[in-house]
Every structure is written in structure tokens, then in C-alpha cells.
PDB file of N, CA and C in Angstrom:
ATOM      1  N   UNK A   1      86.900  66.943 121.852  1.00  0.00           N
ATOM      2  CA  UNK A   1      85.644  67.248 121.202  1.00  0.00           C
ATOM      3  C   UNK A   1      85.892  68.370 120.200  1.00  0.00           C
ATOM      4  N   UNK A   2      85.201  68.324 119.114  1.00  0.00           N
ATOM      5  CA  UNK A   2      85.343  69.276 118.029  1.00  0.00           C
ATOM      6  C   UNK A   2      84.065  70.097 117.930  1.00  0.00           C
ATOM      7  N   UNK A   3      84.185  71.423 117.951  1.00  0.00           N
ATOM      8  CA  UNK A   3      83.028  72.316 117.839  1.00  0.00           C
ATOM      9  C   UNK A   3      83.266  73.316 116.724  1.00  0.00           C
ATOM     10  N   UNK A   4      82.206  73.684 116.068  1.00  0.00           N
ATOM     11  CA  UNK A   4      82.252  74.742 115.068  1.00  0.00           C
ATOM     12  C   UNK A   4      81.643  75.993 115.680  1.00  0.00           C
ATOM     13  N   UNK A   5      82.326  77.122 115.549  1.00  0.00           N
ATOM     14  CA  UNK A   5      81.833  78.379 116.097  1.00  0.00           C
ATOM     15  C   UNK A   5      81.577  79.348 114.960  1.00  0.00           C
ATOM     16  N   UNK A   6      80.450  80.033 115.011  1.00  0.00           N
ATOM     17  CA  UNK A   6      80.163  81.137 114.098  1.00  0.00           C
ATOM     18  C   UNK A   6      80.262  82.404 114.926  1.00  0.00           C
ATOM     19  N   UNK A   7      81.274  83.218 114.672  1.00  0.00           N
ATOM     20  CA  UNK A   7      81.497  84.442 115.437  1.00  0.00           C
ATOM     21  C   UNK A   7      80.876  85.609 114.696  1.00  0.00           C
ATOM     22  N   UNK A   8      79.839  86.199 115.265  1.00  0.00           N
ATOM     23  CA  UNK A   8      79.176  87.359 114.687  1.00  0.00           C
ATOM     24  C   UNK A   8      79.736  88.598 115.393  1.00  0.00           C
ATOM     25  N   UNK A   9      80.805  89.154 114.822  1.00  0.00           N
ATOM     26  CA  UNK A   9      81.490  90.279 115.445  1.00  0.00           C
ATOM     27  C   UNK A   9      80.748  91.575 115.189  1.00  0.00           C
ATOM     28  N   UNK A  10      80.256  91.749 113.989  1.00  0.00           N
ATOM     29  CA  UNK A  10      79.419  92.890 113.639  1.00  0.00           C
ATOM     30  C   UNK A  10      78.399  92.379 112.630  1.00  0.00           C
ATOM     31  N   UNK A  11      77.382  93.173 112.300  1.00  0.00           N
ATOM     32  CA  UNK A  11      76.373  92.675 111.352  1.00  0.00           C
ATOM     33  C   UNK A  11      76.941  92.277 109.990  1.00  0.00           C
ATOM     34  N   UNK A  12      78.077  92.824 109.627  1.00  0.00           N
ATOM     35  CA  UNK A  12      78.645  92.505 108.320  1.00  0.00           C
ATOM     36  C   UNK A  12      79.819  91.541 108.408  1.00  0.00           C
ATOM     37  N   UNK A  13      80.335  91.280 109.597  1.00  0.00           N
ATOM     38  CA  UNK A  13      81.516  90.440 109.747  1.00  0.00           C
ATOM     39  C   UNK A  13      81.177  89.167 110.508  1.00  0.00           C
ATOM     40  N   UNK A  14      81.300  88.020 109.810  1.00  0.00           N
ATOM     41  CA  UNK A  14      81.027  86.719 110.413  1.00  0.00           C
ATOM     42  C   UNK A  14      82.238  85.825 110.149  1.00  0.00           C
ATOM     43  N   UNK A  15      82.752  85.179 111.205  1.00  0.00           N
ATOM     44  CA  UNK A  15      83.873  84.255 111.058  1.00  0.00           C
ATOM     45  C   UNK A  15      83.396  82.856 111.430  1.00  0.00           C
ATOM     46  N   UNK A  16      83.785  81.882 110.642  1.00  0.00           N
ATOM     47  CA  UNK A  16      83.480  80.493 110.958  1.00  0.00           C
ATOM     48  C   UNK A  16      84.798  79.830 111.337  1.00  0.00           C
ATOM     49  N   UNK A  17      84.890  79.401 112.587  1.00  0.00           N
ATOM     50  CA  UNK A  17      86.124  78.819 113.094  1.00  0.00           C
ATOM     51  C   UNK A  17      85.810  77.507 113.794  1.00  0.00           C
ATOM     52  N   UNK A  18      86.847  76.727 114.037  1.00  0.00           N
ATOM     53  CA  UNK A  18      86.697  75.444 114.709  1.00  0.00           C
ATOM     54  C   UNK A  18      87.537  75.438 115.974  1.00  0.00           C
ATOM     55  N   UNK A  19      87.017  74.814 117.016  1.00  0.00           N
ATOM     56  CA  UNK A  19      87.749  74.654 118.272  1.00  0.00           C
ATOM     57  C   UNK A  19      87.842  73.174 118.585  1.00  0.00           C
ATOM     58  N   UNK A  20      89.007  72.749 119.034  1.00  0.00           N
ATOM     59  CA  UNK A  20      89.213  71.355 119.419  1.00  0.00           C
ATOM     60  C   UNK A  20      89.632  71.319 120.879  1.00  0.00           C
ATOM     61  N   UNK A  21      89.874  70.145 121.378  1.00  0.00           N
ATOM     62  CA  UNK A  21      90.290  69.922 122.760  1.00  0.00           C
ATOM     63  C   UNK A  21      89.270  70.460 123.763  1.00  0.00           C
ATOM     64  N   UNK A  22      88.019  70.204 123.500  1.00  0.00           N
ATOM     65  CA  UNK A  22      86.951  70.584 124.418  1.00  0.00           C
ATOM     66  C   UNK A  22      86.337  69.314 124.998  1.00  0.00           C
ATOM     67  N   UNK A  23      85.767  69.410 126.173  1.00  0.00           N
ATOM     68  CA  UNK A  23      85.057  68.275 126.750  1.00  0.00           C
ATOM     69  C   UNK A  23      83.641  68.698 127.096  1.00  0.00           C
ATOM     70  N   UNK A  24      82.782  67.735 127.239  1.00  0.00           N
ATOM     71  CA  UNK A  24      81.397  68.042 127.584  1.00  0.00           C
ATOM     72  C   UNK A  24      81.291  68.548 129.019  1.00  0.00           C
ATOM     73  N   UNK A  25      82.278  68.279 129.825  1.00  0.00           N
ATOM     74  CA  UNK A  25      82.274  68.741 131.210  1.00  0.00           C
ATOM     75  C   UNK A  25      82.867  70.135 131.357  1.00  0.00           C
ATOM     76  N   UNK A  26      83.263  70.759 130.243  1.00  0.00           N
ATOM     77  CA  UNK A  26      83.809  72.118 130.292  1.00  0.00           C
ATOM     78  C   UNK A  26      82.693  73.084 130.642  1.00  0.00           C
ATOM     79  N   UNK A  27      82.987  74.009 131.536  1.00  0.00           N
ATOM     80  CA  UNK A  27      81.991  74.994 131.946  1.00  0.00           C
ATOM     81  C   UNK A  27      81.861  76.061 130.861  1.00  0.00           C
ATOM     82  N   UNK A  28      80.682  76.661 130.802  1.00  0.00           N
ATOM     83  CA  UNK A  28      80.418  77.691 129.796  1.00  0.00           C
ATOM     84  C   UNK A  28      81.338  78.887 130.016  1.00  0.00           C
ATOM     85  N   UNK A  29      81.621  79.210 131.280  1.00  0.00           N
ATOM     86  CA  UNK A  29      82.529  80.331 131.553  1.00  0.00           C
ATOM     87  C   UNK A  29      83.936  80.045 131.048  1.00  0.00           C
ATOM     88  N   UNK A  30      84.379  78.783 131.133  1.00  0.00           N
ATOM     89  CA  UNK A  30      85.696  78.415 130.609  1.00  0.00           C
ATOM     90  C   UNK A  30      85.725  78.552 129.088  1.00  0.00           C
ATOM     91  N   UNK A  31      84.626  78.164 128.428  1.00  0.00           N
ATOM     92  CA  UNK A  31      84.542  78.315 126.972  1.00  0.00           C
ATOM     93  C   UNK A  31      84.588  79.793 126.597  1.00  0.00           C
ATOM     94  N   UNK A  32      83.894  80.640 127.356  1.00  0.00           N
ATOM     95  CA  UNK A  32      83.918  82.068 127.080  1.00  0.00           C
ATOM     96  C   UNK A  32      85.320  82.644 127.260  1.00  0.00           C
ATOM     97  N   UNK A  33      86.039  82.206 128.283  1.00  0.00           N
ATOM     98  CA  UNK A  33      87.413  82.669 128.483  1.00  0.00           C
ATOM     99  C   UNK A  33      88.313  82.233 127.340  1.00  0.00           C
ATOM    100  N   UNK A  34      88.111  81.019 126.868  1.00  0.00           N
ATOM    101  CA  UNK A  34      88.936  80.514 125.760  1.00  0.00           C
ATOM    102  C   UNK A  34      88.650  81.288 124.471  1.00  0.00           C
ATOM    103  N   UNK A  35      87.384  81.609 124.231  1.00  0.00           N
ATOM    104  CA  UNK A  35      87.030  82.414 123.052  1.00  0.00           C
ATOM    105  C   UNK A  35      87.640  83.799 123.182  1.00  0.00           C
ATOM    106  N   UNK A  36      87.633  84.346 124.391  1.00  0.00           N
ATOM    107  CA  UNK A  36      88.233  85.665 124.608  1.00  0.00           C
ATOM    108  C   UNK A  36      89.737  85.633 124.334  1.00  0.00           C
ATOM    109  N   UNK A  37      90.411  84.579 124.795  1.00  0.00           N
ATOM    110  CA  UNK A  37      91.856  84.475 124.583  1.00  0.00           C
ATOM    111  C   UNK A  37      92.207  84.305 123.112  1.00  0.00           C
ATOM    112  N   UNK A  38      91.446  83.485 122.395  1.00  0.00           N
ATOM    113  CA  UNK A  38      91.802  83.166 121.009  1.00  0.00           C
ATOM    114  C   UNK A  38      91.298  84.188 119.997  1.00  0.00           C
ATOM    115  N   UNK A  39      90.126  84.792 120.237  1.00  0.00           N
ATOM    116  CA  UNK A  39      89.518  85.639 119.218  1.00  0.00           C
ATOM    117  C   UNK A  39      89.291  87.077 119.658  1.00  0.00           C
ATOM    118  N   UNK A  40      89.576  87.411 120.921  1.00  0.00           N
ATOM    119  CA  UNK A  40      89.546  88.789 121.371  1.00  0.00           C
ATOM    120  C   UNK A  40      88.179  89.358 121.697  1.00  0.00           C
ATOM    121  N   UNK A  41      87.151  88.536 121.809  1.00  0.00           N
ATOM    122  CA  UNK A  41      85.822  89.025 122.186  1.00  0.00           C
ATOM    123  C   UNK A  41      85.700  88.881 123.700  1.00  0.00           C
ATOM    124  N   UNK A  42      85.487  89.972 124.396  1.00  0.00           N
ATOM    125  CA  UNK A  42      85.421  89.930 125.858  1.00  0.00           C
ATOM    126  C   UNK A  42      84.296  89.014 126.323  1.00  0.00           C
ATOM    127  N   UNK A  43      84.538  88.318 127.427  1.00  0.00           N
ATOM    128  CA  UNK A  43      83.556  87.360 127.943  1.00  0.00           C
ATOM    129  C   UNK A  43      82.250  88.047 128.325  1.00  0.00           C
ATOM    130  N   UNK A  44      82.309  89.281 128.803  1.00  0.00           N
ATOM    131  CA  UNK A  44      81.099  90.000 129.177  1.00  0.00           C
ATOM    132  C   UNK A  44      80.261  90.431 127.988  1.00  0.00           C
ATOM    133  N   UNK A  45      80.872  90.493 126.803  1.00  0.00           N
ATOM    134  CA  UNK A  45      80.149  90.923 125.600  1.00  0.00           C
ATOM    135  C   UNK A  45      79.706  89.752 124.729  1.00  0.00           C
ATOM    136  N   UNK A  46      79.991  88.523 125.171  1.00  0.00           N
ATOM    137  CA  UNK A  46      79.635  87.351 124.370  1.00  0.00           C
ATOM    138  C   UNK A  46      78.213  86.900 124.665  1.00  0.00           C
ATOM    139  N   UNK A  47      77.547  86.460 123.605  1.00  0.00           N
ATOM    140  CA  UNK A  47      76.226  85.840 123.740  1.00  0.00           C
ATOM    141  C   UNK A  47      76.310  84.517 122.995  1.00  0.00           C
ATOM    142  N   UNK A  48      76.331  83.407 123.725  1.00  0.00           N
ATOM    143  CA  UNK A  48      76.469  82.077 123.134  1.00  0.00           C
ATOM    144  C   UNK A  48      75.095  81.457 122.926  1.00  0.00           C
ATOM    145  N   UNK A  49      74.848  80.950 121.721  1.00  0.00           N
ATOM    146  CA  UNK A  49      73.554  80.332 121.405  1.00  0.00           C
ATOM    147  C   UNK A  49      73.806  78.956 120.809  1.00  0.00           C
ATOM    148  N   UNK A  50      73.104  77.945 121.346  1.00  0.00           N
ATOM    149  CA  UNK A  50      73.198  76.589 120.820  1.00  0.00           C
ATOM    150  C   UNK A  50      71.788  76.018 120.726  1.00  0.00           C
ATOM    151  N   UNK A  51      71.387  75.637 119.535  1.00  0.00           N
ATOM    152  CA  UNK A  51      70.051  75.077 119.274  1.00  0.00           C
ATOM    153  C   UNK A  51      68.944  75.991 119.786  1.00  0.00           C
ATOM    154  N   UNK A  52      69.119  77.297 119.606  1.00  0.00           N
ATOM    155  CA  UNK A  52      68.101  78.256 119.992  1.00  0.00           C
ATOM    156  C   UNK A  52      68.086  78.618 121.465  1.00  0.00           C
ATOM    157  N   UNK A  53      68.976  78.045 122.251  1.00  0.00           N
ATOM    158  CA  UNK A  53      69.039  78.351 123.678  1.00  0.00           C
ATOM    159  C   UNK A  53      70.235  79.239 123.952  1.00  0.00           C
ATOM    160  N   UNK A  54      70.027  80.261 124.757  1.00  0.00           N
ATOM    161  CA  UNK A  54      71.125  81.130 125.153  1.00  0.00           C
ATOM    162  C   UNK A  54      71.864  80.454 126.298  1.00  0.00           C
ATOM    163  N   UNK A  55      73.167  80.304 126.119  1.00  0.00           N
ATOM    164  CA  UNK A  55      73.986  79.606 127.110  1.00  0.00           C
ATOM    165  C   UNK A  55      74.503  80.608 128.136  1.00  0.00           C
ATOM    166  N   UNK A  56      74.124  80.422 129.398  1.00  0.00           N
ATOM    167  CA  UNK A  56      74.577  81.270 130.494  1.00  0.00           C
ATOM    168  C   UNK A  56      75.587  80.479 131.319  1.00  0.00           C
ATOM    169  N   UNK A  57      76.571  81.153 131.834  1.00  0.00           N
ATOM    170  CA  UNK A  57      77.563  80.472 132.649  1.00  0.00           C
ATOM    171  C   UNK A  57      77.460  80.833 134.108  1.00  0.00           C
ATOM    172  N   UNK A  58      76.338  81.376 134.524  1.00  0.00           N
ATOM    173  CA  UNK A  58      76.203  81.882 135.879  1.00  0.00           C
ATOM    174  C   UNK A  58      76.199  80.825 136.964  1.00  0.00           C
ATOM    175  N   UNK A  59      75.588  79.662 136.745  1.00  0.00           N
ATOM    176  CA  UNK A  59      75.460  78.654 137.804  1.00  0.00           C
ATOM    177  C   UNK A  59      76.355  77.451 137.536  1.00  0.00           C
ATOM    178  N   UNK A  60      77.545  77.712 137.046  1.00  0.00           N
ATOM    179  CA  UNK A  60      78.530  76.662 136.777  1.00  0.00           C
ATOM    180  C   UNK A  60      77.976  75.603 135.823  1.00  0.00           C
ATOM    181  N   UNK A  61      77.240  76.037 134.813  1.00  0.00           N
ATOM    182  CA  UNK A  61      76.672  75.103 133.852  1.00  0.00           C
ATOM    183  C   UNK A  61      77.743  74.647 132.871  1.00  0.00           C
ATOM    184  N   UNK A  62      77.650  73.401 132.473  1.00  0.00           N
ATOM    185  CA  UNK A  62      78.622  72.833 131.540  1.00  0.00           C
ATOM    186  C   UNK A  62      77.980  72.698 130.165  1.00  0.00           C
ATOM    187  N   UNK A  63      78.794  72.285 129.198  1.00  0.00           N
ATOM    188  CA  UNK A  63      78.267  72.052 127.854  1.00  0.00           C
ATOM    189  C   UNK A  63      77.295  70.883 127.845  1.00  0.00           C
ATOM    190  N   UNK A  64      77.436  69.981 128.788  1.00  0.00           N
ATOM    191  CA  UNK A  64      76.537  68.838 128.894  1.00  0.00           C
ATOM    192  C   UNK A  64      75.121  69.283 129.267  1.00  0.00           C
ATOM    193  N   UNK A  65      74.982  70.361 130.040  1.00  0.00           N
ATOM    194  CA  UNK A  65      73.662  70.880 130.402  1.00  0.00           C
ATOM    195  C   UNK A  65      72.872  71.317 129.175  1.00  0.00           C
ATOM    196  N   UNK A  66      73.568  71.767 128.152  1.00  0.00           N
ATOM    197  CA  UNK A  66      72.914  72.244 126.928  1.00  0.00           C
ATOM    198  C   UNK A  66      72.917  71.190 125.821  1.00  0.00           C
ATOM    199  N   UNK A  67      73.299  69.960 126.149  1.00  0.00           N
ATOM    200  CA  UNK A  67      73.329  68.841 125.201  1.00  0.00           C
ATOM    201  C   UNK A  67      74.183  69.151 123.971  1.00  0.00           C
ATOM    202  N   UNK A  68      75.340  69.744 124.199  1.00  0.00           N
ATOM    203  CA  UNK A  68      76.265  70.022 123.107  1.00  0.00           C
ATOM    204  C   UNK A  68      76.989  68.727 122.779  1.00  0.00           C
ATOM    205  N   UNK A  69      76.889  68.295 121.527  1.00  0.00           N
ATOM    206  CA  UNK A  69      77.531  67.066 121.083  1.00  0.00           C
ATOM    207  C   UNK A  69      78.679  67.388 120.142  1.00  0.00           C
ATOM    208  N   UNK A  70      79.355  66.361 119.719  1.00  0.00           N
ATOM    209  CA  UNK A  70      80.469  66.518 118.796  1.00  0.00           C
ATOM    210  C   UNK A  70      79.993  67.072 117.460  1.00  0.00           C
ATOM    211  N   UNK A  71      80.838  67.859 116.821  1.00  0.00           N
ATOM    212  CA  UNK A  71      80.598  68.411 115.482  1.00  0.00           C
ATOM    213  C   UNK A  71      79.336  69.275 115.410  1.00  0.00           C
ATOM    214  N   UNK A  72      79.002  69.960 116.466  1.00  0.00           N
ATOM    215  CA  UNK A  72      77.860  70.863 116.443  1.00  0.00           C
ATOM    216  C   UNK A  72      78.332  72.313 116.434  1.00  0.00           C
ATOM    217  N   UNK A  73      77.402  73.216 116.200  1.00  0.00           N
ATOM    218  CA  UNK A  73      77.736  74.633 116.046  1.00  0.00           C
ATOM    219  C   UNK A  73      77.201  75.441 117.219  1.00  0.00           C
ATOM    220  N   UNK A  74      78.045  76.350 117.700  1.00  0.00           N
ATOM    221  CA  UNK A  74      77.630  77.337 118.691  1.00  0.00           C
ATOM    222  C   UNK A  74      77.818  78.703 118.052  1.00  0.00           C
ATOM    223  N   UNK A  75      76.788  79.515 118.131  1.00  0.00           N
ATOM    224  CA  UNK A  75      76.870  80.869 117.582  1.00  0.00           C
ATOM    225  C   UNK A  75      77.315  81.813 118.685  1.00  0.00           C
ATOM    226  N   UNK A  76      78.309  82.637 118.369  1.00  0.00           N
ATOM    227  CA  UNK A  76      78.839  83.597 119.339  1.00  0.00           C
ATOM    228  C   UNK A  76      78.573  84.988 118.795  1.00  0.00           C
ATOM    229  N   UNK A  77      77.722  85.743 119.469  1.00  0.00           N
ATOM    230  CA  UNK A  77      77.403  87.113 119.077  1.00  0.00           C
ATOM    231  C   UNK A  77      78.140  88.070 119.994  1.00  0.00           C
ATOM    232  N   UNK A  78      78.724  89.094 119.407  1.00  0.00           N
ATOM    233  CA  UNK A  78      79.357  90.137 120.202  1.00  0.00           C
ATOM    234  C   UNK A  78      78.308  91.199 120.459  1.00  0.00           C
ATOM    235  N   UNK A  79      78.011  91.422 121.727  1.00  0.00           N
ATOM    236  CA  UNK A  79      77.029  92.441 122.087  1.00  0.00           C
ATOM    237  C   UNK A  79      77.630  93.815 121.852  1.00  0.00           C
ATOM    238  N   UNK A  80      76.810  94.732 121.409  1.00  0.00           N
ATOM    239  CA  UNK A  80      77.258  96.087 121.134  1.00  0.00           C
ATOM    240  C   UNK A  80      76.964  96.948 122.357  1.00  0.00           C
ATOM    241  N   UNK A  81      77.956  97.697 122.771  1.00  0.00           N
ATOM    242  CA  UNK A  81      77.782  98.591 123.910  1.00  0.00           C
ATOM    243  C   UNK A  81      76.939  99.768 123.454  1.00  0.00           C
ATOM    244  N   UNK A  82      75.978 100.168 124.274  1.00  0.00           N
ATOM    245  CA  UNK A  82      75.014 101.191 123.888  1.00  0.00           C
ATOM    246  C   UNK A  82      75.670 102.521 123.559  1.00  0.00           C
ATOM    247  N   UNK A  83      76.705 102.916 124.281  1.00  0.00           N
ATOM    248  CA  UNK A  83      77.358 104.200 124.014  1.00  0.00           C
ATOM    249  C   UNK A  83      78.010 104.206 122.638  1.00  0.00           C
ATOM    250  N   UNK A  84      78.547 103.067 122.182  1.00  0.00           N
ATOM    251  CA  UNK A  84      79.135 102.985 120.850  1.00  0.00           C
ATOM    252  C   UNK A  84      78.067 103.189 119.779  1.00  0.00           C
ATOM    253  N   UNK A  85      76.889 102.607 119.994  1.00  0.00           N
ATOM    254  CA  UNK A  85      75.804 102.750 119.027  1.00  0.00           C
ATOM    255  C   UNK A  85      75.353 104.200 118.957  1.00  0.00           C
ATOM    256  N   UNK A  86      75.198 104.859 120.118  1.00  0.00           N
ATOM    257  CA  UNK A  86      74.764 106.255 120.148  1.00  0.00           C
ATOM    258  C   UNK A  86      75.752 107.159 119.433  1.00  0.00           C
ATOM    259  N   UNK A  87      77.058 106.944 119.644  1.00  0.00           N
ATOM    260  CA  UNK A  87      78.078 107.761 118.990  1.00  0.00           C
ATOM    261  C   UNK A  87      78.016 107.603 117.481  1.00  0.00           C
ATOM    262  N   UNK A  88      77.876 106.361 117.010  1.00  0.00           N
ATOM    263  CA  UNK A  88      77.820 106.114 115.567  1.00  0.00           C
ATOM    264  C   UNK A  88      76.573 106.725 114.948  1.00  0.00           C
ATOM    265  N   UNK A  89      75.438 106.645 115.650  1.00  0.00           N
ATOM    266  CA  UNK A  89      74.194 107.187 115.104  1.00  0.00           C
ATOM    267  C   UNK A  89      74.239 108.703 115.025  1.00  0.00           C
ATOM    268  N   UNK A  90      74.830 109.358 116.017  1.00  0.00           N
ATOM    269  CA  UNK A  90      74.912 110.821 115.972  1.00  0.00           C
ATOM    270  C   UNK A  90      75.816 111.281 114.845  1.00  0.00           C
ATOM    271  N   UNK A  91      76.887 110.549 114.595  1.00  0.00           N
ATOM    272  CA  UNK A  91      77.776 110.899 113.480  1.00  0.00           C
ATOM    273  C   UNK A  91      77.051 110.732 112.151  1.00  0.00           C
ATOM    274  N   UNK A  92      76.284 109.649 112.012  1.00  0.00           N
ATOM    275  CA  UNK A  92      75.542 109.411 110.773  1.00  0.00           C
ATOM    276  C   UNK A  92      74.467 110.475 110.570  1.00  0.00           C
ATOM    277  N   UNK A  93      73.787 110.887 111.638  1.00  0.00           N
ATOM    278  CA  UNK A  93      72.742 111.900 111.519  1.00  0.00           C
ATOM    279  C   UNK A  93      73.330 113.237 111.100  1.00  0.00           C
ATOM    280  N   UNK A  94      74.500 113.574 111.614  1.00  0.00           N
ATOM    281  CA  UNK A  94      75.125 114.834 111.248  1.00  0.00           C
ATOM    282  C   UNK A  94      75.452 114.870 109.758  1.00  0.00           C
ATOM    283  N   UNK A  95      75.953 113.776 109.232  1.00  0.00           N
ATOM    284  CA  UNK A  95      76.277 113.747 107.806  1.00  0.00           C
ATOM    285  C   UNK A  95      75.011 113.761 106.959  1.00  0.00           C
ATOM    286  N   UNK A  96      73.928 113.116 107.450  1.00  0.00           N
ATOM    287  CA  UNK A  96      72.675 113.124 106.707  1.00  0.00           C
ATOM    288  C   UNK A  96      72.067 114.519 106.665  1.00  0.00           C
ATOM    289  N   UNK A  97      72.152 115.246 107.767  1.00  0.00           N
ATOM    290  CA  UNK A  97      71.594 116.600 107.822  1.00  0.00           C
ATOM    291  C   UNK A  97      72.326 117.501 106.846  1.00  0.00           C
ATOM    292  N   UNK A  98      73.645 117.355 106.766  1.00  0.00           N
ATOM    293  CA  UNK A  98      74.419 118.162 105.829  1.00  0.00           C
ATOM    294  C   UNK A  98      74.054 117.823 104.391  1.00  0.00           C
ATOM    295  N   UNK A  99      73.809 116.546 104.115  1.00  0.00           N
ATOM    296  CA  UNK A  99      73.497 116.128 102.750  1.00  0.00           C
ATOM    297  C   UNK A  99      72.072 116.488 102.352  1.00  0.00           C
ATOM    298  N   UNK A 100      71.153 116.620 103.311  1.00  0.00           N
ATOM    299  CA  UNK A 100      69.751 116.835 103.007  1.00  0.00           C
ATOM    300  C   UNK A 100      69.304 118.287 103.167  1.00  0.00           C
ATOM    301  N   UNK A 101      70.178 119.222 103.008  1.00  0.00           N
ATOM    302  CA  UNK A 101      69.767 120.626 103.099  1.00  0.00           C
ATOM    303  C   UNK A 101      68.818 120.927 101.948  1.00  0.00           C
ATOM    304  N   UNK A 102      67.664 121.508 102.259  1.00  0.00           N
ATOM    305  CA  UNK A 102      66.681 121.750 101.203  1.00  0.00           C
ATOM    306  C   UNK A 102      67.166 122.848 100.253  1.00  0.00           C
ATOM    307  N   UNK A 103      66.873 122.630  98.990  1.00  0.00           N
ATOM    308  CA  UNK A 103      67.215 123.623  97.977  1.00  0.00           C
ATOM    309  C   UNK A 103      66.103 124.667  97.925  1.00  0.00           C
ATOM    310  N   UNK A 104      66.492 125.888  97.793  1.00  0.00           N
ATOM    311  CA  UNK A 104      65.500 126.959  97.721  1.00  0.00           C
ATOM    312  C   UNK A 104      64.920 127.000  96.314  1.00  0.00           C
ATOM    313  N   UNK A 105      63.600 126.922  96.261  1.00  0.00           N
ATOM    314  CA  UNK A 105      62.933 126.953  94.965  1.00  0.00           C
ATOM    315  C   UNK A 105      62.582 128.394  94.632  1.00  0.00           C
ATOM    316  N   UNK A 106      62.758 128.729  93.409  1.00  0.00           N
ATOM    317  CA  UNK A 106      62.394 130.083  92.991  1.00  0.00           C
ATOM    318  C   UNK A 106      61.196 129.988  92.038  1.00  0.00           C
ATOM    319  N   UNK A 107      60.243 130.867  92.270  1.00  0.00           N
ATOM    320  CA  UNK A 107      59.040 130.889  91.449  1.00  0.00           C
ATOM    321  C   UNK A 107      59.024 132.179  90.636  1.00  0.00           C
ATOM    322  N   UNK A 108      58.504 132.049  89.445  1.00  0.00           N
ATOM    323  CA  UNK A 108      58.389 133.222  88.572  1.00  0.00           C
ATOM    324  C   UNK A 108      56.911 133.534  88.358  1.00  0.00           C
ATOM    325  N   UNK A 109      56.601 134.792  88.277  1.00  0.00           N
ATOM    326  CA  UNK A 109      55.233 135.180  87.973  1.00  0.00           C
ATOM    327  C   UNK A 109      54.945 134.857  86.520  1.00  0.00           C
ATOM    328  N   UNK A 110      53.755 134.377  86.283  1.00  0.00           N
ATOM    329  CA  UNK A 110      53.372 134.075  84.916  1.00  0.00           C
ATOM    330  C   UNK A 110      52.041 134.773  84.610  1.00  0.00           C
ATOM    331  N   UNK A 111      51.783 135.001  83.370  1.00  0.00           N
ATOM    332  CA  UNK A 111      50.557 135.666  82.942  1.00  0.00           C
ATOM    333  C   UNK A 111      49.539 134.642  82.499  1.00  0.00           C
ATOM    334  N   UNK A 112      48.279 134.923  82.773  1.00  0.00           N
ATOM    335  CA  UNK A 112      47.202 134.041  82.379  1.00  0.00           C
ATOM    336  C   UNK A 112      46.216 134.825  81.531  1.00  0.00           C
ATOM    337  N   UNK A 113      45.636 134.150  80.554  1.00  0.00           N
ATOM    338  CA  UNK A 113      44.646 134.784  79.707  1.00  0.00           C
ATOM    339  C   UNK A 113      43.302 134.887  80.419  1.00  0.00           C
ATOM    340  N   UNK A 114      43.082 134.059  81.445  1.00  0.00           N
ATOM    341  CA  UNK A 114      41.779 133.976  82.084  1.00  0.00           C
ATOM    342  C   UNK A 114      41.719 134.661  83.446  1.00  0.00           C
ATOM    343  N   UNK A 115      42.802 134.651  84.217  1.00  0.00           N
ATOM    344  CA  UNK A 115      42.795 135.172  85.573  1.00  0.00           C
ATOM    345  C   UNK A 115      43.906 136.195  85.747  1.00  0.00           C
ATOM    346  N   UNK A 116      43.680 137.079  86.707  1.00  0.00           N
ATOM    347  CA  UNK A 116      44.711 138.034  87.072  1.00  0.00           C
ATOM    348  C   UNK A 116      45.296 137.594  88.409  1.00  0.00           C
ATOM    349  N   UNK A 117      46.480 138.059  88.726  1.00  0.00           N
ATOM    350  CA  UNK A 117      47.113 137.711  89.992  1.00  0.00           C
ATOM    351  C   UNK A 117      46.268 138.276  91.119  1.00  0.00           C
ATOM    352  N   UNK A 118      45.914 137.417  92.081  1.00  0.00           N
ATOM    353  CA  UNK A 118      45.121 137.827  93.233  1.00  0.00           C
ATOM    354  C   UNK A 118      43.636 137.546  93.075  1.00  0.00           C
ATOM    355  N   UNK A 119      43.143 137.112  91.885  1.00  0.00           N
ATOM    356  CA  UNK A 119      41.728 136.783  91.719  1.00  0.00           C
ATOM    357  C   UNK A 119      41.394 135.519  92.517  1.00  0.00           C
ATOM    358  N   UNK A 120      40.178 135.463  93.026  1.00  0.00           N
ATOM    359  CA  UNK A 120      39.715 134.301  93.757  1.00  0.00           C
ATOM    360  C   UNK A 120      39.179 133.267  92.757  1.00  0.00           C
ATOM    361  N   UNK A 121      39.661 132.059  92.844  1.00  0.00           N
ATOM    362  CA  UNK A 121      39.297 130.996  91.935  1.00  0.00           C
ATOM    363  C   UNK A 121      38.622 129.885  92.746  1.00  0.00           C
ATOM    364  N   UNK A 122      37.500 129.369  92.262  1.00  0.00           N
ATOM    365  CA  UNK A 122      36.739 128.312  92.907  1.00  0.00           C
ATOM    366  C   UNK A 122      36.364 128.648  94.347  1.00  0.00           C
ATOM    367  N   UNK A 123      35.900 129.855  94.582  1.00  0.00           N
ATOM    368  CA  UNK A 123      35.484 130.277  95.913  1.00  0.00           C
ATOM    369  C   UNK A 123      33.993 130.511  95.872  1.00  0.00           C
ATOM    370  N   UNK A 124      33.283 130.052  96.853  1.00  0.00           N
ATOM    371  CA  UNK A 124      31.831 130.237  96.892  1.00  0.00           C
ATOM    372  C   UNK A 124      31.482 131.432  97.728  1.00  0.00           C
TER     373      UNK A 124
END
């Protein structure tokens, strides 16, 4: 059986690859192990989607359970570990804080023909 896989490794990196020698009786966990061996995405971090359904391998489900046919596409998303996201966000915030330091504005006294400094204007 021939399948097309779209590997979403990060939001900016997408790989389109093909896998052969698959059968409809192959278990989802076996497919996840094969993807891990060939493309380096850990089985625990994979999220497989076919026709809008998330494919789980918990109850020994096969590709036949999800009606996967020949020449169809399965999307493989790499889940992001929360600690990695937190580390990246803190680094980005630190650089933003350094870049956004407010500039000190300097004001100069000016003279007016109508008012003096300290006069009350538009006060009832």
C-alpha cells in the first residue's frame, strides 16, 4: 500500500514524503514506530490525522478502522513539549524588553503671549 505523509515538524517546516509496503491490517502503533525510525519523530509526540479524525493506537486499532485507502494522505504533527515553548517565550520576551526601553522625552519651557506658566485655563 502506498501512503502520502505530510510531516508538520514545526509551524514553518513541512515535509511531504511517501511510505510504501504498508497494509491495511497494520496497527497505528506500528505506523508510529516506523515514522519514528525513518523520520526521527518520537511516537509519543506524534499526532496522526486522517480525514479529520485523530488516529489513536491505544486499543490495537489498525488502518482499516480509520478507512485508510491506497494513495491517501495522513498528516503527522509533532507535538511541542510545554517546557520547550516556555523557554522560547521567555527568551523572546527578554529580547523584546531590551528593544522596547522607553526613550526619555525632554520638554522645554515655552513662552505664551496669552498665558503665564501656572495659570489656570478652562477652569470653572
